[in-house]
Amino acid sequence: MSKYYFVGSGIASLAGAAYLIRDGNVDGSDIVLFEESPQFGGALDAHGDAATGYFMSGSRMFESKYNCTFELLSSIPSGSNPVISVTEETNLVRAENTWNAKARLVNLQGETTDAHPLGFDGRDRFDLLAMVTKPEFTLNSKRIRDCFAPHFFQSNFWYEWCTLFAFQPWHSAIEFRRYLLRFMHHFSTIDTQQGIYRTHFNQYESIAAPLVAWLRERGVSLRFGATVTNLGIKQQPAGGFVVEALSVETEGTSQEVSVNEKDCVFVTNGSMTAGKAFGSMSAAPVIDHSTRTGAWDLWETLARDRPQFGNPAAFDRNVPESVWESFSVTVSEPLFLDRMQAFTGSVAGRGGLTTFKDSNWLITLSMFHQPFFASQPPGVSVWWGYGLYFDQPGNFVKKTMGECSGKEILEEVLGHLRFDSDREAIIAASNVIPCVMPYITSQFMVRKAGDRPRIIPKGSKNLAFIGQFCDQPDDVVFTVEYSIRSAQRAVYTLLALDKKLTPIYKGAHDPRVLFEALATVGR
């Protein structure tokens, strides 16, 4: 009987295990997930309580064209209502909390600005059209700023696009081009964000936990505190290679797990949330540069002298260009949300994102529909925000974001909002937990073809790479969809299943979408 091993327990591994059982007819007892941390979920992390504060590194948006995600989750019962699937639950929440941003951009005076005009000049339009029409290989090793004039980065479109998807001017032009093509259907609503939505609760409770419950019911084993440090790889006389062992460290003890040729190994190479550090209301988070996560170390080890395994150094060697900071806020009384609803003209959960476009930290806020945690008691609210510029002094607090405590970050936010009369009351009722993430946009780093390995590397008989750092042409990283699709491709290919892959939505191939996008860019 074959065995199936996953390195990591993020959404790619959880999805891969589900595909093995659902589509590959694999017995769950033959599946093992090795996880170095004490928790599953990877980047889908959300924990805490009302007393000590809820916290998470990120909160991801969803949209209806996540075909692979919602097809898989249609098979997984909701954690809050097992009679329906996660997909059905998410669609119900979407219907009740349709985004329609009325305060998408806010200036330094604390005033909402007209976010509808994209703000392009003729050069911007030409450069945008040139990027989406040229072949991807022509953008190898290029940054976004290499392809546009300075004016482009002052346009409404850039502020709205970069804060929705977390792009920086120094990020990969290849990834930016892929995003423009993949999300072209959102051009006309980029200011209102209609069509964007979230899950019922946070993604840990609404996606990761139901998946794990489903897997455990079927006998899947999750081994926590287990770091895979290397793979025993054997070249075969007839060509190709096979994984024949996994080196696993658990609580300081090394173990070698034998792997047969008919077994399969799925590796999540790299990690966006590796090295994340949380602060508190009174203390800034501190990056520990002396430690590295096993996901990066394993990839570095595997890729040494094996070019078909990619080039991790393209993604993990420039923290100043991949770091930014988020913050989760637990509020014990309704004053702040009441003020925000009056300011934005939208109830919490329907107003989309609000960005302070003149902020030195480029702060964006998200007011969730409530409750956002299943354990959230009545009267307690949770909201979230992030700043893309980690190392700049604030406009109101004269420190870099990375140097600020949770209280100081909230003071900066309140300064932009001009909520001066309620400042002390809001701070007294808030618990802000900041989170710095050194590799959070590492998947956007400048790269060239081959830096990300193929899902099934050339010559592999039983090894697949999954997650954000394997390459899938036409799809976009930094999405749950990308991770789940990588798992589907890996499982279907290694098991040689006679099943069609879920198609990637390509709006640019739809004449209606293309026409609407061109009309929007031209306005």
Protein backbone atom coordinates (compact mmCIF):
# COMPACT_ATOMS: atom_id res chain seq x y z
CA MET A 1 0.00 0.00 0.00
CA SER A 2 1.44 3.38 -1.02
CA LYS A 3 2.09 6.16 1.52
CA TYR A 4 1.70 9.90 0.93
CA TYR A 5 3.83 12.44 2.79
CA PHE A 6 3.34 16.19 2.96
CA VAL A 7 5.93 18.64 4.22
CA GLY A 8 3.94 21.43 5.88
CA SER A 9 0.28 21.76 6.85
CA GLY A 10 -0.66 24.95 5.03
CA ILE A 11 -3.62 25.17 2.69
CA ALA A 12 -1.70 23.48 -0.17
CA SER A 13 -0.99 20.37 1.93
CA LEU A 14 -4.49 20.26 3.39
CA ALA A 15 -5.98 20.53 -0.10
CA GLY A 16 -3.57 17.91 -1.45
CA ALA A 17 -4.62 15.43 1.22
CA ALA A 18 -8.28 16.12 0.44
CA TYR A 19 -7.72 15.54 -3.29
CA LEU A 20 -5.94 12.25 -2.55
CA ILE A 21 -8.95 10.98 -0.59
CA ARG A 22 -11.76 12.46 -2.67
CA ASP A 23 -10.41 12.02 -6.18
CA GLY A 24 -7.61 9.49 -5.76
CA ASN A 25 -9.51 7.03 -3.53
CA VAL A 26 -6.58 7.00 -1.11
CA ASP A 27 -7.20 5.80 2.43
CA GLY A 28 -6.67 8.66 4.87
CA SER A 29 -4.60 6.46 7.17
CA ASP A 30 -1.94 6.35 4.44
CA ILE A 31 -1.47 10.15 4.51
CA VAL A 32 0.94 11.95 6.86
CA LEU A 33 1.49 15.70 7.21
CA PHE A 34 4.74 16.85 8.88
CA GLU A 35 4.40 20.31 10.45
CA GLU A 36 7.25 22.06 12.25
CA SER A 37 4.98 24.40 14.24
CA PRO A 38 2.38 23.39 16.85
CA GLN A 39 -0.51 24.52 14.61
CA PHE A 40 -1.87 23.68 11.17
CA GLY A 41 -2.96 26.21 8.57
CA GLY A 42 0.26 27.91 7.50
CA ALA A 43 -0.56 31.48 6.46
CA LEU A 44 -4.23 30.89 7.33
CA ASP A 45 -3.60 31.71 10.97
CA ALA A 46 -6.08 33.37 13.33
CA HIS A 47 -6.13 32.83 17.06
CA GLY A 48 -6.69 34.52 20.42
CA ASP A 49 -9.66 35.47 22.55
CA ALA A 50 -11.57 38.53 23.70
CA ALA A 51 -9.60 38.86 26.93
CA THR A 52 -6.06 38.75 25.51
CA GLY A 53 -6.89 39.95 21.99
CA TYR A 54 -7.55 38.23 18.67
CA PHE A 55 -4.65 38.17 16.24
CA MET A 56 -3.65 36.96 12.79
CA SER A 57 -0.95 37.71 10.26
CA GLY A 58 -3.30 38.32 7.35
CA SER A 59 -6.83 38.20 6.00
CA ARG A 60 -7.33 37.17 2.41
CA MET A 61 -9.97 38.32 0.00
CA PHE A 62 -11.92 35.99 -2.25
CA GLU A 63 -13.86 36.35 -5.47
CA SER A 64 -16.17 34.17 -7.53
CA LYS A 65 -13.50 33.19 -10.06
CA TYR A 66 -11.54 31.12 -7.53
CA ASN A 67 -12.74 28.06 -9.40
CA CYS A 68 -10.41 25.52 -7.82
CA THR A 69 -10.94 26.75 -4.27
CA PHE A 70 -14.72 26.68 -4.32
CA GLU A 71 -14.91 23.41 -6.22
CA LEU A 72 -12.84 21.68 -3.54
CA LEU A 73 -14.58 23.41 -0.61
CA SER A 74 -17.96 22.34 -1.99
CA SER A 75 -16.98 18.88 -0.67
CA ILE A 76 -16.10 20.10 2.84
CA PRO A 77 -18.81 20.66 5.48
CA SER A 78 -18.89 24.07 7.11
CA GLY A 79 -17.45 24.21 10.60
CA SER A 80 -20.36 26.27 11.90
CA ASN A 81 -23.17 24.51 10.00
CA PRO A 82 -22.23 20.99 8.81
CA VAL A 83 -25.48 20.73 6.80
CA ILE A 84 -23.93 23.01 4.17
CA SER A 85 -20.50 23.13 2.56
CA VAL A 86 -17.82 25.76 3.08
CA THR A 87 -18.56 27.01 -0.44
CA GLU A 88 -22.28 27.36 0.28
CA GLU A 89 -21.55 29.13 3.56
CA THR A 90 -19.17 31.57 1.84
CA ASN A 91 -21.73 32.37 -0.85
CA LEU A 92 -24.36 33.09 1.80
CA VAL A 93 -21.98 35.50 3.55
CA ARG A 94 -21.16 37.11 0.22
CA ALA A 95 -24.85 37.75 -0.46
CA GLU A 96 -25.31 39.36 2.95
CA ASN A 97 -22.09 41.42 2.89
CA THR A 98 -21.58 42.72 -0.63
CA TRP A 99 -18.66 45.13 -0.80
CA ASN A 100 -19.31 48.59 -2.18
CA ALA A 101 -16.51 50.90 -1.06
CA LYS A 102 -17.49 54.55 -0.66
CA ALA A 103 -14.30 55.61 1.10
CA ARG A 104 -11.64 53.71 -0.82
CA LEU A 105 -9.02 56.48 -0.71
CA VAL A 106 -8.47 59.08 2.01
CA ASN A 107 -6.08 62.04 1.72
CA LEU A 108 -3.79 63.53 4.35
CA GLN A 109 -6.55 65.89 5.50
CA GLY A 110 -8.72 62.93 6.46
CA GLU A 111 -11.07 63.47 3.53
CA THR A 112 -12.36 60.79 1.18
CA THR A 113 -11.35 61.44 -2.43
CA ASP A 114 -13.03 60.47 -5.68
CA ALA A 115 -11.49 57.05 -6.27
CA HIS A 116 -13.38 56.32 -9.50
CA PRO A 117 -11.11 58.02 -12.08
CA LEU A 118 -8.07 55.81 -12.56
CA GLY A 119 -5.85 58.86 -12.99
CA PHE A 120 -3.90 57.66 -16.03
CA ASP A 121 -2.20 59.87 -18.56
CA GLY A 122 -1.43 58.78 -22.11
CA ARG A 123 1.96 57.33 -21.19
CA ASP A 124 0.41 55.25 -18.39
CA ARG A 125 -2.15 53.77 -20.77
CA PHE A 126 0.49 52.95 -23.35
CA ASP A 127 2.77 51.29 -20.76
CA LEU A 128 -0.11 49.27 -19.32
CA LEU A 129 -1.15 48.02 -22.74
CA ALA A 130 2.46 47.20 -23.62
CA MET A 131 2.87 45.13 -20.46
CA VAL A 132 -0.19 42.93 -20.97
CA THR A 133 0.51 42.33 -24.66
CA LYS A 134 4.21 41.48 -24.55
CA PRO A 135 5.39 37.90 -23.87
CA GLU A 136 6.15 37.09 -20.23
CA PHE A 137 9.79 36.14 -20.88
CA THR A 138 10.55 39.73 -21.92
CA LEU A 139 9.96 40.74 -18.28
CA ASN A 140 12.53 38.36 -16.80
CA SER A 141 14.33 40.04 -13.85
CA LYS A 142 12.44 43.31 -14.37
CA ARG A 143 10.72 45.31 -11.64
CA ILE A 144 7.34 47.00 -12.05
CA ARG A 145 9.01 50.41 -11.87
CA ASP A 146 11.20 49.45 -14.85
CA CYS A 147 8.06 49.35 -16.99
CA PHE A 148 6.22 52.55 -15.98
CA ALA A 149 6.92 56.25 -15.64
CA PRO A 150 6.80 57.83 -12.13
CA HIS A 151 3.32 59.27 -12.79
CA PHE A 152 1.80 55.77 -12.88
CA PHE A 153 2.66 55.25 -9.21
CA GLN A 154 0.67 58.36 -8.23
CA SER A 155 -2.50 57.23 -10.00
CA ASN A 156 -5.66 56.12 -8.22
CA PHE A 157 -5.35 52.80 -10.02
CA TRP A 158 -1.95 52.10 -8.50
CA TYR A 159 -3.07 52.98 -4.95
CA GLU A 160 -6.18 50.82 -5.30
CA TRP A 161 -4.44 47.90 -7.02
CA CYS A 162 -1.29 47.79 -4.90
CA THR A 163 -3.17 47.91 -1.58
CA LEU A 164 -5.70 45.28 -2.66
CA PHE A 165 -2.96 42.87 -3.76
CA ALA A 166 0.11 44.16 -1.79
CA PHE A 167 2.36 45.09 -4.72
CA GLN A 168 5.35 47.42 -4.39
CA PRO A 169 7.07 49.27 -7.29
CA TRP A 170 10.17 47.11 -6.81
CA HIS A 171 8.29 43.83 -7.15
CA SER A 172 8.35 41.51 -10.15
CA ALA A 173 6.95 42.82 -13.42
CA ILE A 174 6.13 39.21 -14.33
CA GLU A 175 3.85 38.85 -11.32
CA PHE A 176 2.24 42.24 -11.94
CA ARG A 177 1.49 41.30 -15.55
CA ARG A 178 -0.07 38.02 -14.43
CA TYR A 179 -2.29 39.91 -11.99
CA LEU A 180 -3.42 42.40 -14.62
CA LEU A 181 -4.50 39.56 -16.89
CA ARG A 182 -5.96 37.34 -14.15
CA PHE A 183 -8.04 40.08 -12.49
CA MET A 184 -8.93 42.12 -15.57
CA HIS A 185 -12.63 41.63 -14.72
CA HIS A 186 -12.10 43.84 -11.65
CA PHE A 187 -10.77 46.87 -13.58
CA SER A 188 -14.16 48.55 -13.77
CA THR A 189 -14.90 48.04 -10.06
CA ILE A 190 -11.42 48.54 -8.62
CA ASP A 191 -12.65 51.62 -6.72
CA THR A 192 -15.81 50.05 -5.24
CA GLN A 193 -14.37 46.52 -4.92
CA GLN A 194 -17.69 44.96 -5.82
CA GLY A 195 -17.14 41.25 -6.40
CA ILE A 196 -14.59 40.98 -3.57
CA TYR A 197 -15.64 39.21 -0.38
CA ARG A 198 -14.49 37.20 2.63
CA THR A 199 -15.38 33.99 4.40
CA HIS A 200 -17.91 33.56 7.23
CA PHE A 201 -15.27 33.79 9.97
CA ASN A 202 -11.52 34.24 9.54
CA GLN A 203 -9.92 31.84 7.07
CA TYR A 204 -8.40 29.63 9.79
CA GLU A 205 -11.82 28.82 11.23
CA SER A 206 -13.75 28.92 7.96
CA ILE A 207 -11.36 26.99 5.69
CA ALA A 208 -8.38 25.39 7.45
CA ALA A 209 -10.23 24.00 10.49
CA PRO A 210 -13.12 22.40 8.52
CA LEU A 211 -10.59 20.83 6.13
CA VAL A 212 -8.56 19.40 9.01
CA ALA A 213 -11.69 18.07 10.71
CA TRP A 214 -12.69 16.34 7.45
CA LEU A 215 -9.20 14.86 7.02
CA ARG A 216 -8.96 13.65 10.61
CA GLU A 217 -12.33 11.92 10.33
CA ARG A 218 -10.77 9.92 7.52
CA GLY A 219 -7.64 8.96 9.44
CA VAL A 220 -5.10 11.49 8.15
CA SER A 221 -2.17 11.97 10.55
CA LEU A 222 -0.83 15.44 11.42
CA ARG A 223 2.54 15.35 13.18
CA PHE A 224 3.35 18.66 14.85
CA GLY A 225 6.81 19.80 15.90
CA ALA A 226 8.25 17.72 13.07
CA THR A 227 10.72 19.49 10.76
CA VAL A 228 11.73 17.81 7.52
CA THR A 229 15.38 18.80 7.02
CA ASN A 230 16.25 16.85 3.88
CA LEU A 231 15.07 14.31 1.33
CA GLY A 232 17.06 11.28 0.35
CA ILE A 233 17.05 11.49 -3.45
CA LYS A 234 18.34 8.66 -5.65
CA GLN A 235 19.16 8.98 -9.32
CA GLN A 236 17.83 6.11 -11.38
CA PRO A 237 19.93 4.31 -14.02
CA ALA A 238 17.26 4.80 -16.66
CA GLY A 239 17.08 8.53 -15.91
CA GLY A 240 15.09 10.61 -13.50
CA PHE A 241 15.12 10.41 -9.73
CA VAL A 242 13.08 9.11 -6.83
CA VAL A 243 12.73 10.20 -3.21
CA GLU A 244 13.61 7.26 -0.97
CA ALA A 245 13.76 8.88 2.49
CA LEU A 246 12.74 11.89 4.58
CA SER A 247 14.98 13.24 7.35
CA VAL A 248 12.72 14.45 10.16
CA GLU A 249 13.68 16.22 13.40
CA THR A 250 11.26 16.09 16.33
CA GLU A 251 12.20 17.68 19.67
CA GLY A 252 15.88 17.37 18.88
CA THR A 253 15.66 13.76 17.78
CA SER A 254 16.44 12.82 14.17
CA GLN A 255 14.46 10.16 12.36
CA GLU A 256 14.70 8.74 8.85
CA VAL A 257 11.39 7.86 7.22
CA SER A 258 11.77 5.36 4.40
CA VAL A 259 9.94 6.15 1.16
CA ASN A 260 9.16 3.60 -1.52
CA GLU A 261 9.18 4.42 -5.20
CA LYS A 262 5.38 4.15 -5.32
CA ASP A 263 4.97 6.49 -2.35
CA CYS A 264 4.51 10.23 -3.03
CA VAL A 265 6.14 13.24 -1.37
CA PHE A 266 4.62 16.72 -1.57
CA VAL A 267 6.84 19.61 -0.42
CA THR A 268 5.69 23.14 0.36
CA ASN A 269 8.89 24.99 -0.53
CA GLY A 270 9.26 28.41 1.08
CA SER A 271 6.85 30.27 3.34
CA MET A 272 5.31 33.74 3.23
CA THR A 273 4.75 33.88 6.99
CA ALA A 274 8.08 32.41 8.04
CA GLY A 275 9.71 34.36 10.86
CA LYS A 276 6.56 36.33 11.67
CA ALA A 277 6.65 38.08 15.02
CA PHE A 278 3.80 39.54 17.06
CA GLY A 279 3.97 42.58 19.30
CA SER A 280 1.50 43.98 21.80
CA MET A 281 -0.25 47.18 22.78
CA SER A 282 2.95 48.29 24.53
CA ALA A 283 5.69 46.57 22.51
CA ALA A 284 6.72 46.50 18.85
CA PRO A 285 7.20 43.10 17.18
CA VAL A 286 10.85 42.15 16.73
CA ILE A 287 12.17 40.08 13.83
CA ASP A 288 14.56 37.36 14.96
CA HIS A 289 17.10 37.24 12.14
CA SER A 290 18.99 34.38 13.81
CA THR A 291 16.29 31.83 13.02
CA ARG A 292 14.87 30.57 9.75
CA THR A 293 11.91 28.36 9.09
CA GLY A 294 12.36 24.81 7.88
CA ALA A 295 10.41 25.54 4.69
CA TRP A 296 13.16 27.86 3.44
CA ASP A 297 16.03 25.76 4.80
CA LEU A 298 14.70 22.61 3.16
CA TRP A 299 14.29 24.34 -0.20
CA GLU A 300 17.83 25.75 0.03
CA THR A 301 19.15 22.26 0.78
CA LEU A 302 17.21 20.58 -2.01
CA ALA A 303 18.05 23.21 -4.64
CA ARG A 304 21.78 23.04 -4.03
CA ASP A 305 23.29 21.70 -7.29
CA ARG A 306 19.81 20.88 -8.58
CA PRO A 307 18.69 23.72 -10.89
CA GLN A 308 15.40 21.94 -11.66
CA PHE A 309 14.42 22.61 -8.01
CA GLY A 310 14.45 26.37 -8.54
CA ASN A 311 16.36 29.22 -6.94
CA PRO A 312 15.16 30.08 -3.42
CA ALA A 313 17.72 32.88 -3.16
CA ALA A 314 15.61 34.90 -5.59
CA PHE A 315 12.89 35.05 -2.93
CA ASP A 316 14.39 34.83 0.55
CA ARG A 317 17.50 37.00 0.45
CA ASN A 318 16.07 40.52 0.45
CA VAL A 319 13.90 41.02 3.53
CA PRO A 320 13.78 44.85 3.20
CA GLU A 321 11.85 44.37 -0.06
CA SER A 322 9.54 41.59 1.13
CA VAL A 323 8.62 42.76 4.65
CA TRP A 324 5.51 44.57 5.80
CA GLU A 325 3.40 44.76 8.91
CA SER A 326 -0.21 44.05 9.78
CA PHE A 327 -2.19 44.67 12.96
CA SER A 328 -5.27 43.06 14.48
CA VAL A 329 -7.49 45.15 16.74
CA THR A 330 -9.91 43.82 19.35
CA VAL A 331 -12.41 46.46 20.50
CA SER A 332 -14.47 46.16 23.68
CA GLU A 333 -17.06 48.83 22.85
CA PRO A 334 -18.66 50.11 19.63
CA LEU A 335 -17.32 53.68 19.43
CA PHE A 336 -14.63 53.07 16.81
CA LEU A 337 -16.81 50.98 14.48
CA ASP A 338 -19.64 53.51 14.83
CA ARG A 339 -17.25 56.31 13.85
CA MET A 340 -15.90 54.27 10.93
CA GLN A 341 -19.38 53.45 9.65
CA ALA A 342 -20.24 57.15 9.70
CA PHE A 343 -16.92 58.04 8.06
CA THR A 344 -17.10 55.44 5.27
CA GLY A 345 -20.86 55.46 4.75
CA SER A 346 -20.91 51.66 5.00
CA VAL A 347 -21.67 49.17 7.75
CA ALA A 348 -18.80 46.96 8.84
CA GLY A 349 -18.22 44.17 6.34
CA ARG A 350 -19.65 46.01 3.34
CA GLY A 351 -17.33 48.97 2.89
CA GLY A 352 -14.30 47.19 1.45
CA LEU A 353 -10.82 48.55 2.11
CA THR A 354 -9.96 52.11 3.11
CA THR A 355 -6.46 53.34 2.21
CA PHE A 356 -4.71 56.48 3.44
CA LYS A 357 -3.01 57.19 0.15
CA ASP A 358 -0.72 59.91 1.56
CA SER A 359 0.30 57.80 4.55
CA ASN A 360 4.04 57.34 4.91
CA TRP A 361 3.25 53.74 5.87
CA LEU A 362 0.58 53.40 3.16
CA ILE A 363 -1.96 52.17 5.72
CA THR A 364 -5.07 50.25 4.68
CA LEU A 365 -7.94 49.31 7.01
CA SER A 366 -10.50 46.52 6.76
CA MET A 367 -13.68 46.58 8.84
CA PHE A 368 -14.90 42.98 9.03
CA HIS A 369 -18.48 41.85 9.30
CA GLN A 370 -19.00 40.76 12.89
CA PRO A 371 -18.33 38.37 14.50
CA PHE A 372 -15.09 37.47 12.71
CA PHE A 373 -14.10 34.84 15.27
CA ALA A 374 -16.46 32.10 16.36
CA SER A 375 -15.69 32.76 20.04
CA GLN A 376 -16.27 36.51 19.79
CA PRO A 377 -18.73 37.56 22.53
CA PRO A 378 -21.48 40.13 21.95
CA GLY A 379 -20.19 43.69 22.16
CA VAL A 380 -16.64 42.77 21.10
CA SER A 381 -15.50 43.65 17.57
CA VAL A 382 -12.39 42.85 15.53
CA TRP A 383 -10.89 44.85 12.68
CA TRP A 384 -7.60 44.64 10.85
CA GLY A 385 -5.11 46.77 8.94
CA TYR A 386 -1.66 46.79 7.40
CA GLY A 387 1.07 49.13 6.21
CA LEU A 388 3.15 48.40 3.14
CA TYR A 389 6.01 50.78 4.03
CA PHE A 390 7.66 49.24 7.06
CA ASP A 391 10.72 51.49 7.40
CA GLN A 392 9.29 55.01 7.00
CA PRO A 393 8.49 57.41 9.88
CA GLY A 394 4.77 57.96 10.40
CA ASN A 395 2.95 61.18 9.56
CA PHE A 396 1.77 61.59 13.16
CA VAL A 397 3.95 59.21 15.17
CA LYS A 398 7.53 60.01 14.28
CA LYS A 399 8.77 56.44 14.25
CA THR A 400 8.96 53.80 11.58
CA MET A 401 6.09 51.36 11.63
CA GLY A 402 8.50 48.61 12.64
CA GLU A 403 9.46 50.54 15.76
CA CYS A 404 5.90 51.15 16.93
CA SER A 405 3.85 49.42 19.58
CA GLY A 406 0.21 48.56 18.93
CA LYS A 407 -0.87 51.72 20.76
CA GLU A 408 1.37 53.89 18.58
CA ILE A 409 0.06 52.26 15.39
CA LEU A 410 -3.50 53.03 16.51
CA GLU A 411 -2.49 56.63 17.25
CA GLU A 412 -1.19 56.93 13.67
CA VAL A 413 -4.45 55.53 12.29
CA LEU A 414 -6.55 57.91 14.40
CA GLY A 415 -4.40 60.80 13.23
CA HIS A 416 -5.23 60.04 9.61
CA LEU A 417 -8.92 59.68 10.44
CA ARG A 418 -8.96 62.93 12.48
CA PHE A 419 -10.92 61.21 15.25
CA ASP A 420 -9.36 63.62 17.74
CA SER A 421 -12.32 64.05 20.09
CA ASP A 422 -12.66 60.31 20.67
CA ARG A 423 -8.97 59.45 20.54
CA GLU A 424 -8.45 58.52 24.19
CA ALA A 425 -11.72 56.60 24.50
CA ILE A 426 -10.96 54.55 21.36
CA ILE A 427 -7.44 53.74 22.55
CA ALA A 428 -8.71 52.73 26.00
CA ALA A 429 -11.18 50.27 24.43
CA SER A 430 -8.70 48.76 21.94
CA ASN A 431 -6.12 45.99 22.05
CA VAL A 432 -3.81 46.23 19.03
CA ILE A 433 -1.54 43.28 18.22
CA PRO A 434 0.93 44.09 15.43
CA CYS A 435 2.55 41.40 13.31
CA VAL A 436 5.72 41.89 11.27
CA MET A 437 6.30 39.40 8.44
CA PRO A 438 9.77 39.44 6.83
CA TYR A 439 8.81 37.25 3.85
CA ILE A 440 5.17 38.19 3.31
CA THR A 441 5.67 39.38 -0.28
CA SER A 442 8.69 37.21 -1.07
CA GLN A 443 6.63 35.48 -3.76
CA PHE A 444 6.51 38.84 -5.60
CA MET A 445 10.28 39.29 -5.67
CA VAL A 446 11.99 39.92 -8.99
CA ARG A 447 12.55 36.63 -10.74
CA LYS A 448 13.20 34.94 -14.03
CA ALA A 449 11.96 31.73 -15.61
CA GLY A 450 13.17 28.73 -13.64
CA ASP A 451 13.51 30.45 -10.26
CA ARG A 452 10.32 28.73 -9.18
CA PRO A 453 10.41 24.95 -9.74
CA ARG A 454 7.75 23.16 -11.73
CA ILE A 455 5.17 21.32 -9.66
CA ILE A 456 6.62 18.04 -10.94
CA PRO A 457 10.34 18.74 -11.45
CA LYS A 458 11.95 17.27 -14.54
CA GLY A 459 12.80 13.62 -13.93
CA SER A 460 10.72 13.29 -10.75
CA LYS A 461 8.99 9.97 -10.18
CA ASN A 462 7.38 10.69 -6.80
CA LEU A 463 8.17 14.29 -5.74
CA ALA A 464 6.00 17.38 -6.21
CA PHE A 465 6.35 20.98 -5.09
CA ILE A 466 3.18 22.74 -3.94
CA GLY A 467 2.22 26.12 -2.49
CA GLN A 468 3.22 29.65 -3.41
CA PHE A 469 6.73 28.99 -4.71
CA CYS A 470 6.14 26.40 -7.41
CA ASP A 471 5.37 27.69 -10.89
CA GLN A 472 1.96 27.56 -12.52
CA PRO A 473 1.73 29.51 -15.78
CA ASP A 474 -1.24 31.91 -16.03
CA ASP A 475 -2.20 31.79 -12.35
CA VAL A 476 -1.23 34.26 -9.63
CA VAL A 477 0.61 33.80 -6.35
CA PHE A 478 -0.49 35.29 -2.99
CA THR A 479 -3.89 33.66 -3.31
CA VAL A 480 -5.49 30.64 -1.66
CA GLU A 481 -6.49 29.65 -5.19
CA TYR A 482 -2.85 29.28 -6.27
CA SER A 483 -1.99 26.93 -3.40
CA ILE A 484 -5.07 24.76 -3.86
CA ARG A 485 -4.56 24.54 -7.62
CA SER A 486 -0.94 23.48 -7.13
CA ALA A 487 -2.15 20.63 -4.90
CA GLN A 488 -4.71 19.50 -7.46
CA ARG A 489 -2.11 19.46 -10.23
CA ALA A 490 0.40 17.60 -8.08
CA VAL A 491 -2.06 14.90 -7.00
CA TYR A 492 -3.64 14.39 -10.41
CA THR A 493 -0.23 14.16 -12.09
CA LEU A 494 1.63 11.90 -9.64
CA LEU A 495 -1.35 9.55 -9.37
CA ALA A 496 -1.97 9.71 -13.15
CA LEU A 497 -5.67 10.33 -12.51
CA ASP A 498 -7.97 10.43 -15.50
CA LYS A 499 -9.54 13.70 -14.38
CA LYS A 500 -9.59 17.18 -15.84
CA LEU A 501 -7.93 19.97 -13.91
CA THR A 502 -10.25 22.76 -12.82
CA PRO A 503 -9.80 25.49 -15.45
CA ILE A 504 -8.20 28.83 -14.61
CA TYR A 505 -10.50 31.77 -15.19
CA LYS A 506 -9.10 33.92 -18.02
CA GLY A 507 -11.14 37.09 -18.26
CA ALA A 508 -8.85 38.54 -20.91
CA HIS A 509 -10.21 35.85 -23.28
CA ASP A 510 -13.77 37.11 -22.76
CA PRO A 511 -14.56 39.89 -25.29
CA ARG A 512 -17.01 41.53 -22.88
CA VAL A 513 -14.46 41.66 -20.05
CA LEU A 514 -11.72 42.85 -22.38
CA PHE A 515 -13.88 45.62 -23.84
CA GLU A 516 -14.98 46.78 -20.39
CA ALA A 517 -11.38 46.83 -19.13
CA LEU A 518 -10.16 48.82 -22.15
CA ALA A 519 -13.01 51.29 -21.69
CA THR A 520 -12.12 51.69 -18.03
CA VAL A 521 -8.42 52.29 -18.74
CA GLY A 522 -9.38 54.86 -21.36
CA ARG A 523 -11.62 56.95 -19.14
